[in-house]
Amino acid sequence: MLLNIDWLKEFTDINESTELIAERFVNLGIEAEKVSEQIIDLEVTPNRGDLLSVVGLAREYSASLNQEIRLPALE
């Protein structure tokens, strides 16, 4: 699964480089590899269906930093 860092920034604050973001996902047990300055390739296992969306990945990332996640407003 390819993750664009700009999509992740819509839901959480990011002050790290792409390499550090990929390393943080690896530390969380998610296989991750930097593809470019804006893209990370993630290998999500079948038992982690909660990570198959950008919101799920942002939730996991922000939880690792003890940050709040910004969910989109619903009308």
N, C-alpha and C. Protein backbone atom coordinates (compact mmCIF):
# COMPACT_ATOMS: atom_id res chain seq x y z
N MET A 1 0.85 -1.17 0.00
CA MET A 1 0.00 0.00 0.00
C MET A 1 0.90 1.23 0.00
N LEU A 2 0.66 2.13 -0.94
CA LEU A 2 1.44 3.35 -1.00
C LEU A 2 0.76 4.45 -0.19
N LEU A 3 1.54 5.11 0.64
CA LEU A 3 1.02 6.19 1.49
C LEU A 3 1.70 7.49 1.11
N ASN A 4 0.91 8.46 0.73
CA ASN A 4 1.43 9.79 0.44
C ASN A 4 1.50 10.57 1.77
N ILE A 5 2.64 11.14 2.06
CA ILE A 5 2.85 11.85 3.33
C ILE A 5 1.88 13.03 3.45
N ASP A 6 1.55 13.68 2.34
CA ASP A 6 0.62 14.81 2.38
C ASP A 6 -0.75 14.36 2.87
N TRP A 7 -1.18 13.14 2.52
CA TRP A 7 -2.46 12.63 3.01
C TRP A 7 -2.39 12.43 4.52
N LEU A 8 -1.26 11.93 4.99
CA LEU A 8 -1.09 11.72 6.42
C LEU A 8 -1.13 13.04 7.18
N LYS A 9 -0.57 14.09 6.57
CA LYS A 9 -0.53 15.42 7.21
C LYS A 9 -1.91 16.03 7.40
N GLU A 10 -2.90 15.57 6.63
CA GLU A 10 -4.26 16.08 6.79
C GLU A 10 -4.87 15.66 8.12
N PHE A 11 -4.36 14.58 8.72
CA PHE A 11 -4.96 14.03 9.93
C PHE A 11 -4.10 14.16 11.18
N THR A 12 -2.83 14.42 11.01
CA THR A 12 -1.93 14.50 12.17
C THR A 12 -0.77 15.44 11.87
N ASP A 13 -0.13 15.94 12.91
CA ASP A 13 1.04 16.81 12.74
C ASP A 13 2.27 15.96 12.49
N ILE A 14 3.03 16.34 11.48
CA ILE A 14 4.24 15.59 11.13
C ILE A 14 5.42 16.55 11.13
N ASN A 15 6.41 16.25 11.93
CA ASN A 15 7.63 17.05 12.01
C ASN A 15 8.86 16.19 11.76
N GLU A 16 8.66 15.05 11.09
CA GLU A 16 9.75 14.11 10.84
C GLU A 16 9.98 13.94 9.35
N SER A 17 11.16 13.47 9.00
CA SER A 17 11.46 13.18 7.60
C SER A 17 10.75 11.90 7.19
N THR A 18 10.70 11.66 5.90
CA THR A 18 10.06 10.46 5.37
C THR A 18 10.75 9.20 5.90
N GLU A 19 12.07 9.24 6.03
CA GLU A 19 12.80 8.09 6.56
C GLU A 19 12.39 7.78 7.99
N LEU A 20 12.24 8.81 8.80
CA LEU A 20 11.85 8.61 10.20
C LEU A 20 10.40 8.13 10.32
N ILE A 21 9.54 8.61 9.44
CA ILE A 21 8.16 8.14 9.45
C ILE A 21 8.12 6.66 9.10
N ALA A 22 8.86 6.26 8.06
CA ALA A 22 8.92 4.85 7.68
C ALA A 22 9.49 4.02 8.82
N GLU A 23 10.52 4.52 9.48
CA GLU A 23 11.12 3.80 10.61
C GLU A 23 10.14 3.66 11.77
N ARG A 24 9.33 4.70 12.00
CA ARG A 24 8.33 4.63 13.07
C ARG A 24 7.30 3.54 12.76
N PHE A 25 6.87 3.44 11.50
CA PHE A 25 5.94 2.37 11.13
C PHE A 25 6.58 1.00 11.30
N VAL A 26 7.85 0.87 10.97
CA VAL A 26 8.55 -0.40 11.18
C VAL A 26 8.58 -0.75 12.66
N ASN A 27 8.83 0.24 13.51
CA ASN A 27 8.84 0.00 14.96
C ASN A 27 7.46 -0.40 15.48
N LEU A 28 6.41 -0.01 14.75
CA LEU A 28 5.05 -0.39 15.12
C LEU A 28 4.66 -1.76 14.58
N GLY A 29 5.59 -2.41 13.87
CA GLY A 29 5.33 -3.74 13.35
C GLY A 29 4.76 -3.77 11.95
N ILE A 30 4.87 -2.64 11.25
CA ILE A 30 4.37 -2.54 9.88
C ILE A 30 5.57 -2.40 8.95
N GLU A 31 5.72 -3.33 8.03
CA GLU A 31 6.84 -3.27 7.10
C GLU A 31 6.69 -2.02 6.24
N ALA A 32 7.71 -1.17 6.23
CA ALA A 32 7.64 0.11 5.51
C ALA A 32 8.96 0.40 4.83
N GLU A 33 8.86 1.03 3.66
CA GLU A 33 10.03 1.40 2.89
C GLU A 33 9.78 2.73 2.19
N LYS A 34 10.75 3.61 2.26
CA LYS A 34 10.64 4.90 1.58
C LYS A 34 10.79 4.69 0.08
N VAL A 35 9.84 5.22 -0.70
CA VAL A 35 9.89 5.14 -2.15
C VAL A 35 10.43 6.45 -2.72
N SER A 36 9.94 7.57 -2.19
CA SER A 36 10.41 8.90 -2.59
C SER A 36 10.25 9.82 -1.39
N GLU A 37 10.48 11.10 -1.59
CA GLU A 37 10.36 12.05 -0.48
C GLU A 37 8.92 12.19 0.01
N GLN A 38 7.94 11.79 -0.78
CA GLN A 38 6.54 11.94 -0.40
C GLN A 38 5.79 10.62 -0.27
N ILE A 39 6.41 9.50 -0.62
CA ILE A 39 5.71 8.22 -0.68
C ILE A 39 6.43 7.16 0.16
N ILE A 40 5.63 6.42 0.96
CA ILE A 40 6.12 5.27 1.72
C ILE A 40 5.31 4.06 1.27
N ASP A 41 6.00 2.95 1.03
CA ASP A 41 5.35 1.70 0.68
C ASP A 41 5.19 0.87 1.95
N LEU A 42 3.95 0.55 2.30
CA LEU A 42 3.66 -0.20 3.52
C LEU A 42 3.11 -1.57 3.15
N GLU A 43 3.54 -2.58 3.89
CA GLU A 43 3.01 -3.94 3.75
C GLU A 43 2.12 -4.20 4.96
N VAL A 44 0.82 -4.10 4.76
CA VAL A 44 -0.14 -4.29 5.85
C VAL A 44 -0.56 -5.75 5.86
N THR A 45 -0.45 -6.38 7.01
CA THR A 45 -0.82 -7.79 7.14
C THR A 45 -2.34 -7.93 7.22
N PRO A 46 -2.88 -9.10 6.85
CA PRO A 46 -4.33 -9.29 6.84
C PRO A 46 -5.02 -9.10 8.18
N ASN A 47 -4.31 -9.30 9.27
CA ASN A 47 -4.93 -9.13 10.58
C ASN A 47 -5.00 -7.67 11.03
N ARG A 48 -4.50 -6.75 10.23
CA ARG A 48 -4.54 -5.32 10.57
C ARG A 48 -5.40 -4.55 9.57
N GLY A 49 -6.64 -4.94 9.44
CA GLY A 49 -7.56 -4.27 8.54
C GLY A 49 -7.79 -2.81 8.89
N ASP A 50 -7.55 -2.46 10.16
CA ASP A 50 -7.70 -1.06 10.58
C ASP A 50 -6.67 -0.15 9.93
N LEU A 51 -5.63 -0.71 9.33
CA LEU A 51 -4.58 0.09 8.70
C LEU A 51 -4.74 0.18 7.19
N LEU A 52 -5.88 -0.22 6.66
CA LEU A 52 -6.08 -0.19 5.22
C LEU A 52 -6.65 1.14 4.73
N SER A 53 -6.62 2.16 5.59
CA SER A 53 -7.05 3.50 5.20
C SER A 53 -6.06 4.52 5.73
N VAL A 54 -6.09 5.68 5.15
CA VAL A 54 -5.18 6.75 5.60
C VAL A 54 -5.54 7.16 7.03
N VAL A 55 -6.81 7.16 7.36
CA VAL A 55 -7.23 7.51 8.72
C VAL A 55 -6.68 6.49 9.72
N GLY A 56 -6.74 5.22 9.38
CA GLY A 56 -6.20 4.18 10.26
C GLY A 56 -4.70 4.30 10.45
N LEU A 57 -3.99 4.60 9.36
CA LEU A 57 -2.54 4.80 9.46
C LEU A 57 -2.21 6.05 10.27
N ALA A 58 -2.99 7.11 10.08
CA ALA A 58 -2.77 8.34 10.84
C ALA A 58 -3.04 8.11 12.32
N ARG A 59 -4.07 7.32 12.62
CA ARG A 59 -4.39 7.01 14.01
C ARG A 59 -3.23 6.25 14.67
N GLU A 60 -2.69 5.28 13.96
CA GLU A 60 -1.57 4.49 14.49
C GLU A 60 -0.33 5.38 14.67
N TYR A 61 -0.04 6.21 13.67
CA TYR A 61 1.12 7.09 13.73
C TYR A 61 1.00 8.10 14.87
N SER A 62 -0.16 8.75 14.97
CA SER A 62 -0.33 9.76 16.01
C SER A 62 -0.35 9.13 17.41
N ALA A 63 -0.87 7.92 17.53
CA ALA A 63 -0.85 7.24 18.82
C ALA A 63 0.58 6.94 19.26
N SER A 64 1.46 6.65 18.30
CA SER A 64 2.86 6.37 18.66
C SER A 64 3.57 7.62 19.17
N LEU A 65 3.05 8.79 18.81
CA LEU A 65 3.63 10.05 19.26
C LEU A 65 2.83 10.69 20.39
N ASN A 66 1.76 10.00 20.82
CA ASN A 66 0.88 10.52 21.86
C ASN A 66 0.26 11.86 21.43
N GLN A 67 -0.17 11.92 20.17
CA GLN A 67 -0.81 13.11 19.61
C GLN A 67 -2.28 12.84 19.36
N GLU A 68 -3.03 13.92 19.21
CA GLU A 68 -4.43 13.81 18.82
C GLU A 68 -4.52 13.70 17.31
N ILE A 69 -5.51 12.98 16.83
CA ILE A 69 -5.75 12.87 15.40
C ILE A 69 -6.86 13.87 15.03
N ARG A 70 -6.74 14.47 13.84
CA ARG A 70 -7.75 15.41 13.36
C ARG A 70 -8.64 14.68 12.35
N LEU A 71 -9.83 14.37 12.76
CA LEU A 71 -10.77 13.71 11.86
C LEU A 71 -11.53 14.77 11.06
N PRO A 72 -11.93 14.45 9.83
CA PRO A 72 -12.68 15.42 9.03
C PRO A 72 -14.06 15.67 9.63
N ALA A 73 -14.52 16.90 9.49
CA ALA A 73 -15.84 17.27 10.01
C ALA A 73 -16.92 16.67 9.13
N LEU A 74 -17.93 16.14 9.75
CA LEU A 74 -19.06 15.55 9.03
C LEU A 74 -20.25 16.47 9.13
N GLU A 75 -20.98 16.61 8.06
CA GLU A 75 -22.18 17.46 8.07
C GLU A 75 -23.42 16.61 8.14
